[in-house]
Amino acid sequence: MKQLTENNLTPRQIVAELDKYVIGQKDAKRSVAIALRNRWRRLKSDPEIREEIVPNNILMIGPTGVGKTEIARRLAKLSGAPFIKVEATKFTEVGYVGRDVESMIRDLTDLALNMVKMEMQERVKEKAAGIVEEKILDILIPPVRKKSQSNSSVSTSEVGFDPDTASDAELNERTRERFREKLKNGELEDRNIEIEVDKKKTPMMQVFGPQGMEEMGVNLQDMLGNLTRGGRKNKRSLPISEAREVMIEQESEKLIDHEAAVQEALERVQNQGIVFIDEIDKVAGDTTGNKGSGGADVSRQGVQRDLLPIVEGSTVNTKHGIVKTDHILFIGSGAFHATKPSDLIPELQGRFPIRVELDSLNESDFYDILTQPKNALTKQYQAMLKSEGVSVKFSDDAVLEIAKIAAEVNQEVENIGARRLQTILSSLLEELLFAVPDDIGTGEVTIDKSYVHKQLDGLVKNKDLSHYIL
């Protein structure tokens, strides 16, 4: 597939791409497609009004497992935008102490910087490969420093001429060219060489506490990391095939402009960043003044009020610089079983003007989910078993039966949407996955309707057992 870029993603194209991975949910796809295209439209608009155009944040309402997160994740992947998923509930704990709400923007900035650096490294990879080739040759054939110096590890047969008849400089140059040719032909891939690699970074350390402490924790980690690392390197002996990859990564890191990477990352976060706030319904409380639930409502409303300035548009201090959140796209998501969107504080409701309801999945949807998406579960299991030399085929009546069972169990036990298919397929194929490759060698296996009944009937009929297994 031709790689799409944000500036040629029309709303119709976006929906078409999302259709390859997410079944149904037409309204939600249309809303996010328009939101993404509007970002490009804003950047192309008159500079005088550009800063006044704010994104229309989206609130997705629907049961678990219907595609809310997948739509947002695929949207970010299509546009190449920095994307982060956070859960609203992690910002509140017993005693109202939770993670600093601004940490979502700091995490998003870190992700964006990694994205930009990887892109920059890819652009200089060819140049880095040339440098690495010379360094590998330097290890194999050290440069001549003294007239009497020679490389005893190089044999006449490897060089292709008699070293005794040439001067040191000539010998060195001719030997390097000969080995350069061997490197290009892949003849030395298994030879071990000793290289210097960067010392592993110290483990991540997080500081939780009152607002502002977390950022101090990030800076403290950097300082401690610098003190412990001290720029030292470790020596490792690796085959040239592995050493080359490590060295190219290190050289690419040196070649990129880190300051430019930081600036580009900040720009991307501010103009293209997407924050997906899941389980936002869990922090919705009674806004009518009824304090029947006591401290829990206070805590939930406190989280909402902390979220409000971030979603409205504010400045957040990160270790890479200041980030303005005015043009970041926020997508809220929740099942809203026990609460409703109107239970959010009015100010926060107003910051999610676009609301879309996602439909529950039925038997027909499950059949489509198992057959149509590029990453369908059936295709994933087929790919895994193919690695063992076993070709698995799902008959159409088997897929229909799986879809029927998924719909029934969701209705009778608990509706967890498409996630039900994962538990059902895992139980269905457990015996086969265990038997390969010891009991079943290479060959073809057909999963038909009778096999589905054989594996699943006992679990489906025993409702008490299916409550835990399915």
Foldseek 3Di string as FASTA:
>chain_A
DPQDELLPQALVNQLVQVVQAAPDPVVVSSVVSVQSNVLVVLVVDDPVCSLVDATQFAEEAAFAARQPVVSVVVSCVSHVFQEDEDALVQCQDVVLFHAQPLVLLQVSLVSLLVSLLVVLLVVCLVVLLVVLLVVVLCQVQPADDDQPDGDPVDDCVQLVHDPVVDGPNVSSVSSSVSVSVCVVVVVQQQPKTKDWAQDDFDDDDADTDDPPVRQVSVVVSVVVRCVVRVRHTDIDIDGNNVVSVRSSVVSSSVPDDSLVSLVVSLVSCQSPAEYEHEALLCLQDAPPPDCVVPPSVVSSLVSLVSVLCLLCWDWDQYPSGIHINRHYHYYYYHNQPVHDLVSHPPSSSVSNVHYGYRDADALVSQLCLQPRHPPHPVVVVQVVVVVQQEGEAEDSQQSSVLSHLLRVLCVPQNPNGNVSSVLLVCQLCVVVVVCPPVNPHHDYHYDYNVSSCVRPVVLSVPNVNVNPRD
